[in-house]
């Protein structure tokens, strides 16, 4: 597909003119710093754009090497107008230009990262300005573990943009501190530590591909405590209070997706009651999230290895949420790792 770029500080009514295309599937290669100038690109499909006076805005940020460019490319393919490395002080101007496009630019995604660090202090002021104007904006934060980020930078032999004369880990630590407050304000946090490019695109598609924005979207993720807590979890459920099918020889080879394993888990005392009670609790939580304008929630369901109890419970809980009108995606993070 054809993409375009221009300097967003140029003539305010001029359309993007030069062709620009990024290829490759390595998350770090796509996030590696290219230059200090902002690059503007548009997707080829804007037919779904609404005639809203003020464009919808998504701000993509997060750790270098965690997949920001992949997330931005996914939105571009969905028809969003994407601006890479726009200085935060210019975000309100970009929204204003979109509002003057007579509906031709109804959805804008802006990538903000440490490449624009000399402008980064302006982000808080820009966000406050957007709120004053009544702009619908969301923040997507791409997260990853230190180990994963180090491997990615080393694999492409690129320095971290903040490491200076130090090590890659020094740059990562400095970036985490710089982005700490923004991560806390994020509407959606995606941990890409164990994701490839295709899996990250699937997550973005699940959140943004729908033509009509749902009230609330939920990701129900099974995981194994022995592999660590998911860093993007909003709520954590511990299913280790139930007997482990791992110790039943005929069930050990299977996963919680197997009917026999699921039946074993939910025939245990308290299992069905837990699903009922927790589903009721989630209704209260979901109502609160909606009132606060939070559109995404990640529910992490854990057991020892992330293979039996957590998988079966995640499937059951996701089905219950879907029946309550919550758009739900199920992810089994650690299934198959043993």
C-alpha atoms as a PDB file:
ATOM      1  CA  UNK A   1       0.000   0.000   0.000  1.00  0.00           C
ATOM      2  CA  UNK A   2       1.070   3.594  -0.464  1.00  0.00           C
ATOM      3  CA  UNK A   3       1.997   5.770   2.502  1.00  0.00           C
ATOM      4  CA  UNK A   4       2.913   9.457   2.616  1.00  0.00           C
ATOM      5  CA  UNK A   5       5.044  11.654   4.826  1.00  0.00           C
ATOM      6  CA  UNK A   6       5.736  15.325   5.321  1.00  0.00           C
ATOM      7  CA  UNK A   7       6.935  17.610   8.062  1.00  0.00           C
ATOM      8  CA  UNK A   8       3.905  18.430  10.272  1.00  0.00           C
ATOM      9  CA  UNK A   9       5.342  21.926  10.903  1.00  0.00           C
ATOM     10  CA  UNK A  10       4.980  22.801   7.194  1.00  0.00           C
ATOM     11  CA  UNK A  11       1.940  24.409   5.555  1.00  0.00           C
ATOM     12  CA  UNK A  12      -1.057  23.478   7.658  1.00  0.00           C
ATOM     13  CA  UNK A  13      -3.408  22.672   4.788  1.00  0.00           C
ATOM     14  CA  UNK A  14      -0.937  20.753   2.624  1.00  0.00           C
ATOM     15  CA  UNK A  15      -1.434  16.988   2.240  1.00  0.00           C
ATOM     16  CA  UNK A  16       1.467  14.572   2.850  1.00  0.00           C
ATOM     17  CA  UNK A  17       3.485  14.197  -0.372  1.00  0.00           C
ATOM     18  CA  UNK A  18       6.457  11.820  -0.304  1.00  0.00           C
ATOM     19  CA  UNK A  19       6.143   8.020  -0.350  1.00  0.00           C
ATOM     20  CA  UNK A  20       7.359   6.269   2.754  1.00  0.00           C
ATOM     21  CA  UNK A  21       7.300   2.585   3.576  1.00  0.00           C
ATOM     22  CA  UNK A  22       8.756   0.560   6.430  1.00  0.00           C
ATOM     23  CA  UNK A  23       9.308  -3.145   6.048  1.00  0.00           C
ATOM     24  CA  UNK A  24      10.664  -5.949   8.211  1.00  0.00           C
ATOM     25  CA  UNK A  25       9.192  -7.816  11.097  1.00  0.00           C
ATOM     26  CA  UNK A  26      11.693  -7.203  13.889  1.00  0.00           C
ATOM     27  CA  UNK A  27      10.122  -5.028  16.553  1.00  0.00           C
ATOM     28  CA  UNK A  28      13.398  -3.315  17.384  1.00  0.00           C
ATOM     29  CA  UNK A  29      14.279  -2.545  13.772  1.00  0.00           C
ATOM     30  CA  UNK A  30      10.935  -0.852  13.334  1.00  0.00           C
ATOM     31  CA  UNK A  31      11.352   1.156  16.547  1.00  0.00           C
ATOM     32  CA  UNK A  32      14.998   2.121  15.991  1.00  0.00           C
ATOM     33  CA  UNK A  33      15.506   5.911  15.862  1.00  0.00           C
ATOM     34  CA  UNK A  34      15.612   7.169  12.285  1.00  0.00           C
ATOM     35  CA  UNK A  35      15.869  10.946  12.607  1.00  0.00           C
ATOM     36  CA  UNK A  36      14.587  13.868  14.654  1.00  0.00           C
ATOM     37  CA  UNK A  37      11.967  14.957  12.117  1.00  0.00           C
ATOM     38  CA  UNK A  38       8.343  13.970  12.402  1.00  0.00           C
ATOM     39  CA  UNK A  39       7.030  11.702   9.655  1.00  0.00           C
ATOM     40  CA  UNK A  40       3.374  11.750   8.684  1.00  0.00           C
ATOM     41  CA  UNK A  41       1.754   8.804   6.919  1.00  0.00           C
ATOM     42  CA  UNK A  42      -1.802   7.925   5.918  1.00  0.00           C
ATOM     43  CA  UNK A  43      -3.513   4.610   5.414  1.00  0.00           C
ATOM     44  CA  UNK A  44      -5.130   3.904   2.086  1.00  0.00           C
ATOM     45  CA  UNK A  45      -8.616   3.271   3.448  1.00  0.00           C
ATOM     46  CA  UNK A  46     -10.344   6.331   4.869  1.00  0.00           C
ATOM     47  CA  UNK A  47     -13.810   5.339   3.681  1.00  0.00           C
ATOM     48  CA  UNK A  48     -14.843   4.510   7.240  1.00  0.00           C
ATOM     49  CA  UNK A  49     -13.996   7.950   8.548  1.00  0.00           C
ATOM     50  CA  UNK A  50     -16.875   9.727  10.171  1.00  0.00           C
ATOM     51  CA  UNK A  51     -17.828  13.359   9.724  1.00  0.00           C
ATOM     52  CA  UNK A  52     -16.906  14.207  13.307  1.00  0.00           C
ATOM     53  CA  UNK A  53     -15.739  17.806  13.761  1.00  0.00           C
ATOM     54  CA  UNK A  54     -12.923  16.775  16.111  1.00  0.00           C
ATOM     55  CA  UNK A  55     -10.863  13.694  15.111  1.00  0.00           C
ATOM     56  CA  UNK A  56     -10.482  10.709  17.387  1.00  0.00           C
ATOM     57  CA  UNK A  57      -6.907  10.539  18.729  1.00  0.00           C
ATOM     58  CA  UNK A  58      -4.685   7.660  19.818  1.00  0.00           C
ATOM     59  CA  UNK A  59      -1.241   8.344  21.293  1.00  0.00           C
ATOM     60  CA  UNK A  60       1.180   5.418  20.911  1.00  0.00           C
ATOM     61  CA  UNK A  61       4.171   5.380  23.234  1.00  0.00           C
ATOM     62  CA  UNK A  62       6.231   2.966  25.276  1.00  0.00           C
ATOM     63  CA  UNK A  63       9.661   1.419  25.475  1.00  0.00           C
ATOM     64  CA  UNK A  64      12.056   1.575  22.536  1.00  0.00           C
ATOM     65  CA  UNK A  65      12.112  -1.878  20.965  1.00  0.00           C
ATOM     66  CA  UNK A  66       8.706  -2.846  22.356  1.00  0.00           C
ATOM     67  CA  UNK A  67       6.838  -2.514  19.044  1.00  0.00           C
ATOM     68  CA  UNK A  68       5.590   1.061  18.735  1.00  0.00           C
ATOM     69  CA  UNK A  69       6.127   1.136  14.967  1.00  0.00           C
ATOM     70  CA  UNK A  70       4.323  -2.180  14.517  1.00  0.00           C
ATOM     71  CA  UNK A  71       1.346  -0.849  16.486  1.00  0.00           C
ATOM     72  CA  UNK A  72       1.346   2.352  14.436  1.00  0.00           C
ATOM     73  CA  UNK A  73       1.547   0.412  11.166  1.00  0.00           C
ATOM     74  CA  UNK A  74      -1.432  -1.689  12.220  1.00  0.00           C
ATOM     75  CA  UNK A  75      -3.552   1.433  12.824  1.00  0.00           C
ATOM     76  CA  UNK A  76      -2.399   2.838   9.509  1.00  0.00           C
ATOM     77  CA  UNK A  77      -3.599  -0.320   7.765  1.00  0.00           C
ATOM     78  CA  UNK A  78      -6.945   0.176   9.489  1.00  0.00           C
ATOM     79  CA  UNK A  79      -7.267   3.624   7.902  1.00  0.00           C
ATOM     80  CA  UNK A  80      -5.879   5.864  10.634  1.00  0.00           C
ATOM     81  CA  UNK A  81      -3.804   8.930   9.782  1.00  0.00           C
ATOM     82  CA  UNK A  82      -0.470   8.109  11.469  1.00  0.00           C
ATOM     83  CA  UNK A  83       2.184  10.626  12.560  1.00  0.00           C
ATOM     84  CA  UNK A  84       5.532   9.186  13.675  1.00  0.00           C
ATOM     85  CA  UNK A  85       7.703  11.041  16.209  1.00  0.00           C
ATOM     86  CA  UNK A  86       5.573  14.177  16.365  1.00  0.00           C
ATOM     87  CA  UNK A  87       6.774  16.622  19.055  1.00  0.00           C
ATOM     88  CA  UNK A  88       4.107  16.516  21.798  1.00  0.00           C
ATOM     89  CA  UNK A  89       3.638  20.300  21.662  1.00  0.00           C
ATOM     90  CA  UNK A  90       2.309  19.911  18.108  1.00  0.00           C
ATOM     91  CA  UNK A  91      -0.345  17.301  18.894  1.00  0.00           C
ATOM     92  CA  UNK A  92      -3.143  19.888  19.427  1.00  0.00           C
ATOM     93  CA  UNK A  93      -2.153  21.506  16.107  1.00  0.00           C
ATOM     94  CA  UNK A  94      -2.390  18.128  14.374  1.00  0.00           C
ATOM     95  CA  UNK A  95      -5.866  17.596  15.825  1.00  0.00           C
ATOM     96  CA  UNK A  96      -6.883  21.076  14.684  1.00  0.00           C
ATOM     97  CA  UNK A  97      -5.747  20.312  11.122  1.00  0.00           C
ATOM     98  CA  UNK A  98      -7.752  17.095  11.211  1.00  0.00           C
ATOM     99  CA  UNK A  99     -10.834  18.996  12.361  1.00  0.00           C
ATOM    100  CA  UNK A 100     -10.458  21.306   9.363  1.00  0.00           C
ATOM    101  CA  UNK A 101     -10.322  18.381   6.927  1.00  0.00           C
ATOM    102  CA  UNK A 102     -14.139  18.156   6.706  1.00  0.00           C
ATOM    103  CA  UNK A 103     -14.154  14.558   7.894  1.00  0.00           C
ATOM    104  CA  UNK A 104     -11.321  13.337   5.658  1.00  0.00           C
ATOM    105  CA  UNK A 105      -9.085  12.835   8.704  1.00  0.00           C
ATOM    106  CA  UNK A 106     -11.375  11.526  11.425  1.00  0.00           C
ATOM    107  CA  UNK A 107      -8.889   9.253  13.231  1.00  0.00           C
ATOM    108  CA  UNK A 108      -5.329  10.276  14.082  1.00  0.00           C
ATOM    109  CA  UNK A 109      -2.617   8.149  15.707  1.00  0.00           C
ATOM    110  CA  UNK A 110       0.526   9.866  17.006  1.00  0.00           C
ATOM    111  CA  UNK A 111       3.733   8.047  18.003  1.00  0.00           C
ATOM    112  CA  UNK A 112       5.466   9.838  20.888  1.00  0.00           C
ATOM    113  CA  UNK A 113       8.784   8.501  22.143  1.00  0.00           C
ATOM    114  CA  UNK A 114      12.192   9.429  23.507  1.00  0.00           C
ATOM    115  CA  UNK A 115      13.476  10.370  20.054  1.00  0.00           C
ATOM    116  CA  UNK A 116      11.628  13.622  20.718  1.00  0.00           C
ATOM    117  CA  UNK A 117      12.971  13.853  24.275  1.00  0.00           C
ATOM    118  CA  UNK A 118      13.664  17.582  24.069  1.00  0.00           C
ATOM    119  CA  UNK A 119       9.913  18.051  23.491  1.00  0.00           C
ATOM    120  CA  UNK A 120       8.706  15.331  25.853  1.00  0.00           C
ATOM    121  CA  UNK A 121       8.135  17.647  28.808  1.00  0.00           C
ATOM    122  CA  UNK A 122       5.415  19.339  26.758  1.00  0.00           C
ATOM    123  CA  UNK A 123       3.290  16.195  26.597  1.00  0.00           C
ATOM    124  CA  UNK A 124       1.457  16.791  29.869  1.00  0.00           C
ATOM    125  CA  UNK A 125       0.529  20.310  28.792  1.00  0.00           C
ATOM    126  CA  UNK A 126      -0.660  19.039  25.403  1.00  0.00           C
ATOM    127  CA  UNK A 127      -2.829  16.346  26.986  1.00  0.00           C
ATOM    128  CA  UNK A 128      -4.407  18.938  29.255  1.00  0.00           C
ATOM    129  CA  UNK A 129      -5.082  21.131  26.221  1.00  0.00           C
ATOM    130  CA  UNK A 130      -6.757  18.228  24.417  1.00  0.00           C
ATOM    131  CA  UNK A 131      -8.962  17.495  27.420  1.00  0.00           C
ATOM    132  CA  UNK A 132     -10.031  21.152  27.525  1.00  0.00           C
ATOM    133  CA  UNK A 133     -11.025  20.958  23.870  1.00  0.00           C
ATOM    134  CA  UNK A 134     -13.093  17.831  24.446  1.00  0.00           C
ATOM    135  CA  UNK A 135     -10.914  15.621  22.224  1.00  0.00           C
ATOM    136  CA  UNK A 136     -11.528  11.883  22.568  1.00  0.00           C
ATOM    137  CA  UNK A 137      -8.012  10.555  23.104  1.00  0.00           C
ATOM    138  CA  UNK A 138      -6.514   7.266  24.234  1.00  0.00           C
ATOM    139  CA  UNK A 139      -2.977   6.283  25.182  1.00  0.00           C
ATOM    140  CA  UNK A 140      -1.543   2.922  24.085  1.00  0.00           C
ATOM    141  CA  UNK A 141       1.663   1.974  25.910  1.00  0.00           C
ATOM    142  CA  UNK A 142       3.972  -0.755  24.556  1.00  0.00           C
ATOM    143  CA  UNK A 143       5.835  -2.526  27.367  1.00  0.00           C
ATOM    144  CA  UNK A 144       8.474  -5.263  27.399  1.00  0.00           C
ATOM    145  CA  UNK A 145      10.829  -6.896  29.878  1.00  0.00           C
ATOM    146  CA  UNK A 146      14.438  -5.744  30.210  1.00  0.00           C
ATOM    147  CA  UNK A 147      15.710  -9.121  29.012  1.00  0.00           C
ATOM    148  CA  UNK A 148      13.560  -9.015  25.867  1.00  0.00           C
ATOM    149  CA  UNK A 149      14.587  -5.441  25.062  1.00  0.00           C
ATOM    150  CA  UNK A 150      18.287  -6.204  25.511  1.00  0.00           C
ATOM    151  CA  UNK A 151      18.007  -9.223  23.193  1.00  0.00           C
ATOM    152  CA  UNK A 152      16.262  -7.147  20.541  1.00  0.00           C
ATOM    153  CA  UNK A 153      18.798  -4.332  20.590  1.00  0.00           C
ATOM    154  CA  UNK A 154      21.699  -6.753  20.554  1.00  0.00           C
ATOM    155  CA  UNK A 155      20.200  -8.730  17.672  1.00  0.00           C
ATOM    156  CA  UNK A 156      20.172  -5.645  15.427  1.00  0.00           C
ATOM    157  CA  UNK A 157      23.388  -4.187  16.903  1.00  0.00           C
ATOM    158  CA  UNK A 158      21.827  -0.801  17.580  1.00  0.00           C
ATOM    159  CA  UNK A 159      22.362   1.345  20.667  1.00  0.00           C
ATOM    160  CA  UNK A 160      19.482   2.335  22.886  1.00  0.00           C
ATOM    161  CA  UNK A 161      18.603   6.000  22.198  1.00  0.00           C
ATOM    162  CA  UNK A 162      19.217   6.928  25.855  1.00  0.00           C
ATOM    163  CA  UNK A 163      22.244   4.789  26.725  1.00  0.00           C
ATOM    164  CA  UNK A 164      24.846   7.418  25.783  1.00  0.00           C
ATOM    165  CA  UNK A 165      28.268   6.111  26.809  1.00  0.00           C
ATOM    166  CA  UNK A 166      26.703   3.489  29.086  1.00  0.00           C
ATOM    167  CA  UNK A 167      25.177   0.071  28.472  1.00  0.00           C
ATOM    168  CA  UNK A 168      21.870  -0.866  26.880  1.00  0.00           C
ATOM    169  CA  UNK A 169      20.423  -1.611  30.332  1.00  0.00           C
ATOM    170  CA  UNK A 170      21.314   1.926  31.422  1.00  0.00           C
ATOM    171  CA  UNK A 171      19.329   3.365  28.532  1.00  0.00           C
ATOM    172  CA  UNK A 172      16.383   1.091  29.292  1.00  0.00           C
ATOM    173  CA  UNK A 173      16.380   2.141  32.961  1.00  0.00           C
ATOM    174  CA  UNK A 174      16.488   5.825  32.020  1.00  0.00           C
ATOM    175  CA  UNK A 175      13.630   5.385  29.559  1.00  0.00           C
ATOM    176  CA  UNK A 176      11.454   3.529  32.092  1.00  0.00           C
ATOM    177  CA  UNK A 177      11.867   6.382  34.537  1.00  0.00           C
ATOM    178  CA  UNK A 178      11.062   8.966  31.871  1.00  0.00           C
ATOM    179  CA  UNK A 179       7.910   7.116  30.805  1.00  0.00           C
ATOM    180  CA  UNK A 180       6.723   6.014  34.261  1.00  0.00           C
ATOM    181  CA  UNK A 181       3.996   8.635  34.623  1.00  0.00           C
ATOM    182  CA  UNK A 182       2.756   8.175  31.060  1.00  0.00           C
ATOM    183  CA  UNK A 183       2.492   4.407  31.572  1.00  0.00           C
ATOM    184  CA  UNK A 184       0.325   5.009  34.611  1.00  0.00           C
ATOM    185  CA  UNK A 185      -2.029   7.164  32.537  1.00  0.00           C
ATOM    186  CA  UNK A 186      -2.272   4.667  29.662  1.00  0.00           C
ATOM    187  CA  UNK A 187      -5.686   3.331  28.625  1.00  0.00           C
ATOM    188  CA  UNK A 188      -4.139   0.190  27.138  1.00  0.00           C
ATOM    189  CA  UNK A 189      -0.818  -1.439  28.109  1.00  0.00           C
ATOM    190  CA  UNK A 190       0.470  -4.248  25.880  1.00  0.00           C
ATOM    191  CA  UNK A 191       3.376  -6.397  27.052  1.00  0.00           C
ATOM    192  CA  UNK A 192       5.274  -7.602  23.959  1.00  0.00           C
ATOM    193  CA  UNK A 193       7.950  -9.586  25.809  1.00  0.00           C
ATOM    194  CA  UNK A 194       6.735 -12.899  24.392  1.00  0.00           C
ATOM    195  CA  UNK A 195       4.912 -11.600  21.296  1.00  0.00           C
ATOM    196  CA  UNK A 196       6.061 -11.639  17.705  1.00  0.00           C
ATOM    197  CA  UNK A 197       5.009  -9.036  15.155  1.00  0.00           C
ATOM    198  CA  UNK A 198       1.952 -10.998  14.015  1.00  0.00           C
ATOM    199  CA  UNK A 199       0.699 -11.522  17.572  1.00  0.00           C
ATOM    200  CA  UNK A 200       1.089  -7.812  18.353  1.00  0.00           C
ATOM    201  CA  UNK A 201      -0.834  -6.895  15.207  1.00  0.00           C
ATOM    202  CA  UNK A 202      -3.581  -9.330  16.238  1.00  0.00           C
ATOM    203  CA  UNK A 203      -3.861  -7.573  19.605  1.00  0.00           C
ATOM    204  CA  UNK A 204      -4.111  -4.174  17.949  1.00  0.00           C
ATOM    205  CA  UNK A 205      -6.666  -5.469  15.451  1.00  0.00           C
ATOM    206  CA  UNK A 206      -8.733  -6.872  18.310  1.00  0.00           C
ATOM    207  CA  UNK A 207      -8.797  -3.468  19.994  1.00  0.00           C
ATOM    208  CA  UNK A 208      -9.256  -1.144  17.020  1.00  0.00           C
ATOM    209  CA  UNK A 209     -10.620  -3.073  14.035  1.00  0.00           C
ATOM    210  CA  UNK A 210     -14.297  -2.762  14.959  1.00  0.00           C
ATOM    211  CA  UNK A 211     -16.213  -0.121  13.033  1.00  0.00           C
ATOM    212  CA  UNK A 212     -18.207   0.794  16.130  1.00  0.00           C
ATOM    213  CA  UNK A 213     -16.357   1.455  19.349  1.00  0.00           C
ATOM    214  CA  UNK A 214     -17.671  -0.829  22.122  1.00  0.00           C
ATOM    215  CA  UNK A 215     -18.202   0.449  25.618  1.00  0.00           C
ATOM    216  CA  UNK A 216     -15.571  -1.850  27.082  1.00  0.00           C
ATOM    217  CA  UNK A 217     -13.117  -4.414  25.736  1.00  0.00           C
ATOM    218  CA  UNK A 218     -11.565  -7.107  27.893  1.00  0.00           C
ATOM    219  CA  UNK A 219      -8.534  -9.337  27.402  1.00  0.00           C
ATOM    220  CA  UNK A 220      -8.636 -12.462  29.550  1.00  0.00           C
ATOM    221  CA  UNK A 221      -5.106 -13.871  29.783  1.00  0.00           C
ATOM    222  CA  UNK A 222      -4.103 -17.178  31.337  1.00  0.00           C
ATOM    223  CA  UNK A 223      -0.577 -17.382  32.724  1.00  0.00           C
ATOM    224  CA  UNK A 224       1.701 -19.420  34.961  1.00  0.00           C
ATOM    225  CA  UNK A 225       2.920 -17.864  38.202  1.00  0.00           C
ATOM    226  CA  UNK A 226       6.238 -19.648  37.785  1.00  0.00           C
ATOM    227  CA  UNK A 227       6.833 -17.558  34.644  1.00  0.00           C
ATOM    228  CA  UNK A 228       5.991 -14.264  36.344  1.00  0.00           C
ATOM    229  CA  UNK A 229       2.995 -11.932  36.508  1.00  0.00           C
ATOM    230  CA  UNK A 230       1.874 -10.247  33.260  1.00  0.00           C
ATOM    231  CA  UNK A 231       3.042  -6.647  33.498  1.00  0.00           C
ATOM    232  CA  UNK A 232      -0.011  -5.360  31.614  1.00  0.00           C
ATOM    233  CA  UNK A 233      -2.581  -6.940  33.948  1.00  0.00           C
ATOM    234  CA  UNK A 234      -5.255  -4.696  35.469  1.00  0.00           C
ATOM    235  CA  UNK A 235      -6.754  -7.503  37.580  1.00  0.00           C
ATOM    236  CA  UNK A 236      -5.094 -10.756  38.699  1.00  0.00           C
ATOM    237  CA  UNK A 237      -6.934 -13.964  39.589  1.00  0.00           C
ATOM    238  CA  UNK A 238      -5.182 -16.834  41.401  1.00  0.00           C
ATOM    239  CA  UNK A 239      -6.669 -20.270  40.645  1.00  0.00           C
ATOM    240  CA  UNK A 240      -4.163 -22.228  42.718  1.00  0.00           C
ATOM    241  CA  UNK A 241      -6.857 -22.782  45.355  1.00  0.00           C
ATOM    242  CA  UNK A 242      -8.166 -25.606  43.131  1.00  0.00           C
ATOM    243  CA  UNK A 243      -6.533 -29.069  42.828  1.00  0.00           C
ATOM    244  CA  UNK A 244      -3.967 -29.225  40.037  1.00  0.00           C
ATOM    245  CA  UNK A 245      -4.828 -31.555  37.104  1.00  0.00           C
ATOM    246  CA  UNK A 246      -1.089 -31.912  36.583  1.00  0.00           C
ATOM    247  CA  UNK A 247      -1.121 -34.550  39.317  1.00  0.00           C
ATOM    248  CA  UNK A 248      -3.774 -36.607  37.512  1.00  0.00           C
ATOM    249  CA  UNK A 249      -1.738 -38.802  35.123  1.00  0.00           C
ATOM    250  CA  UNK A 250      -4.428 -39.138  32.463  1.00  0.00           C
ATOM    251  CA  UNK A 251      -4.983 -35.329  32.406  1.00  0.00           C
ATOM    252  CA  UNK A 252      -1.381 -34.155  32.641  1.00  0.00           C
ATOM    253  CA  UNK A 253      -0.625 -34.177  28.878  1.00  0.00           C
ATOM    254  CA  UNK A 254      -3.663 -32.044  28.047  1.00  0.00           C
ATOM    255  CA  UNK A 255      -4.500 -28.369  28.599  1.00  0.00           C
ATOM    256  CA  UNK A 256      -7.462 -26.488  29.982  1.00  0.00           C
ATOM    257  CA  UNK A 257      -8.931 -26.396  26.470  1.00  0.00           C
ATOM    258  CA  UNK A 258      -9.598 -30.122  26.774  1.00  0.00           C
ATOM    259  CA  UNK A 259     -13.152 -30.981  27.857  1.00  0.00           C
ATOM    260  CA  UNK A 260     -12.002 -33.576  30.384  1.00  0.00           C
ATOM    261  CA  UNK A 261      -9.591 -31.120  32.021  1.00  0.00           C
ATOM    262  CA  UNK A 262     -12.225 -28.370  32.114  1.00  0.00           C
ATOM    263  CA  UNK A 263     -14.775 -30.752  33.640  1.00  0.00           C
ATOM    264  CA  UNK A 264     -12.249 -31.828  36.271  1.00  0.00           C
ATOM    265  CA  UNK A 265     -11.507 -28.209  37.215  1.00  0.00           C
ATOM    266  CA  UNK A 266     -15.131 -27.109  37.497  1.00  0.00           C
ATOM    267  CA  UNK A 267     -16.269 -30.193  39.356  1.00  0.00           C
ATOM    268  CA  UNK A 268     -14.027 -29.153  42.239  1.00  0.00           C
ATOM    269  CA  UNK A 269     -15.699 -27.550  45.282  1.00  0.00           C
ATOM    270  CA  UNK A 270     -15.953 -23.796  44.917  1.00  0.00           C
ATOM    271  CA  UNK A 271     -14.988 -23.629  41.207  1.00  0.00           C
ATOM    272  CA  UNK A 272     -18.417 -22.869  39.751  1.00  0.00           C
ATOM    273  CA  UNK A 273     -19.282 -20.605  42.648  1.00  0.00           C
ATOM    274  CA  UNK A 274     -16.066 -18.661  42.029  1.00  0.00           C
ATOM    275  CA  UNK A 275     -17.000 -18.023  38.381  1.00  0.00           C
ATOM    276  CA  UNK A 276     -20.468 -16.832  39.434  1.00  0.00           C
ATOM    277  CA  UNK A 277     -19.219 -14.524  42.189  1.00  0.00           C
ATOM    278  CA  UNK A 278     -16.285 -13.147  40.235  1.00  0.00           C
ATOM    279  CA  UNK A 279     -18.485 -12.456  37.204  1.00  0.00           C
ATOM    280  CA  UNK A 280     -20.784 -10.409  39.451  1.00  0.00           C
ATOM    281  CA  UNK A 281     -17.768  -8.525  40.788  1.00  0.00           C
ATOM    282  CA  UNK A 282     -16.575  -7.795  37.255  1.00  0.00           C
ATOM    283  CA  UNK A 283     -19.962  -6.272  36.432  1.00  0.00           C
ATOM    284  CA  UNK A 284     -19.375  -3.712  39.188  1.00  0.00           C
ATOM    285  CA  UNK A 285     -15.802  -3.106  38.058  1.00  0.00           C
ATOM    286  CA  UNK A 286     -16.857  -2.764  34.401  1.00  0.00           C
ATOM    287  CA  UNK A 287     -19.495  -0.201  35.307  1.00  0.00           C
ATOM    288  CA  UNK A 288     -16.861   1.808  37.174  1.00  0.00           C
ATOM    289  CA  UNK A 289     -14.422   1.594  34.279  1.00  0.00           C
ATOM    290  CA  UNK A 290     -17.097   2.914  31.922  1.00  0.00           C
ATOM    291  CA  UNK A 291     -17.852   5.836  34.221  1.00  0.00           C
ATOM    292  CA  UNK A 292     -14.151   6.685  34.345  1.00  0.00           C
ATOM    293  CA  UNK A 293     -13.798   6.425  30.568  1.00  0.00           C
ATOM    294  CA  UNK A 294     -11.553   3.349  30.667  1.00  0.00           C
ATOM    295  CA  UNK A 295     -12.211   1.240  27.579  1.00  0.00           C
ATOM    296  CA  UNK A 296      -9.768  -1.638  28.012  1.00  0.00           C
ATOM    297  CA  UNK A 297      -9.149  -4.076  30.831  1.00  0.00           C
ATOM    298  CA  UNK A 298      -6.758  -7.021  31.037  1.00  0.00           C
ATOM    299  CA  UNK A 299      -7.733  -9.793  33.446  1.00  0.00           C
ATOM    300  CA  UNK A 300      -4.855 -12.161  34.187  1.00  0.00           C
ATOM    301  CA  UNK A 301      -5.876 -15.626  35.402  1.00  0.00           C
ATOM    302  CA  UNK A 302      -3.018 -17.598  36.874  1.00  0.00           C
ATOM    303  CA  UNK A 303      -2.168 -21.074  38.082  1.00  0.00           C
ATOM    304  CA  UNK A 304       1.196 -22.729  38.673  1.00  0.00           C
ATOM    305  CA  UNK A 305       2.209 -23.458  35.073  1.00  0.00           C
ATOM    306  CA  UNK A 306      -0.458 -21.682  33.022  1.00  0.00           C
ATOM    307  CA  UNK A 307      -1.592 -24.914  31.396  1.00  0.00           C
ATOM    308  CA  UNK A 308      -4.671 -26.372  33.121  1.00  0.00           C
ATOM    309  CA  UNK A 309      -6.644 -24.410  35.724  1.00  0.00           C
ATOM    310  CA  UNK A 310      -5.914 -20.914  34.426  1.00  0.00           C
ATOM    311  CA  UNK A 311      -6.670 -21.879  30.826  1.00  0.00           C
ATOM    312  CA  UNK A 312      -9.985 -23.542  31.677  1.00  0.00           C
ATOM    313  CA  UNK A 313     -11.003 -20.637  33.925  1.00  0.00           C
ATOM    314  CA  UNK A 314     -10.020 -18.017  31.328  1.00  0.00           C
ATOM    315  CA  UNK A 315     -12.218 -19.667  28.721  1.00  0.00           C
ATOM    316  CA  UNK A 316     -15.160 -19.883  31.108  1.00  0.00           C
ATOM    317  CA  UNK A 317     -14.727 -16.322  32.362  1.00  0.00           C
ATOM    318  CA  UNK A 318     -14.401 -14.918  28.835  1.00  0.00           C
ATOM    319  CA  UNK A 319     -17.600 -16.656  27.780  1.00  0.00           C
ATOM    320  CA  UNK A 320     -19.393 -15.188  30.787  1.00  0.00           C
ATOM    321  CA  UNK A 321     -18.140 -11.673  30.003  1.00  0.00           C
ATOM    322  CA  UNK A 322     -19.186 -12.010  26.361  1.00  0.00           C
ATOM    323  CA  UNK A 323     -22.674 -13.023  27.457  1.00  0.00           C
ATOM    324  CA  UNK A 324     -22.795  -9.791  29.487  1.00  0.00           C
ATOM    325  CA  UNK A 325     -22.038  -7.672  26.410  1.00  0.00           C
ATOM    326  CA  UNK A 326     -18.319  -7.151  26.982  1.00  0.00           C
ATOM    327  CA  UNK A 327     -16.214  -7.662  23.854  1.00  0.00           C
ATOM    328  CA  UNK A 328     -13.625 -10.205  24.957  1.00  0.00           C
ATOM    329  CA  UNK A 329     -10.342 -11.616  23.642  1.00  0.00           C
ATOM    330  CA  UNK A 330      -8.707 -14.695  25.195  1.00  0.00           C
ATOM    331  CA  UNK A 331      -4.908 -15.083  25.298  1.00  0.00           C
ATOM    332  CA  UNK A 332      -3.072 -18.092  26.751  1.00  0.00           C
ATOM    333  CA  UNK A 333       0.364 -16.664  27.461  1.00  0.00           C
ATOM    334  CA  UNK A 334       2.202 -19.695  28.823  1.00  0.00           C
ATOM    335  CA  UNK A 335       0.300 -22.632  27.394  1.00  0.00           C
ATOM    336  CA  UNK A 336       2.817 -24.880  25.605  1.00  0.00           C
ATOM    337  CA  UNK A 337       5.905 -23.566  27.392  1.00  0.00           C
ATOM    338  CA  UNK A 338       6.455 -26.762  29.374  1.00  0.00           C
END
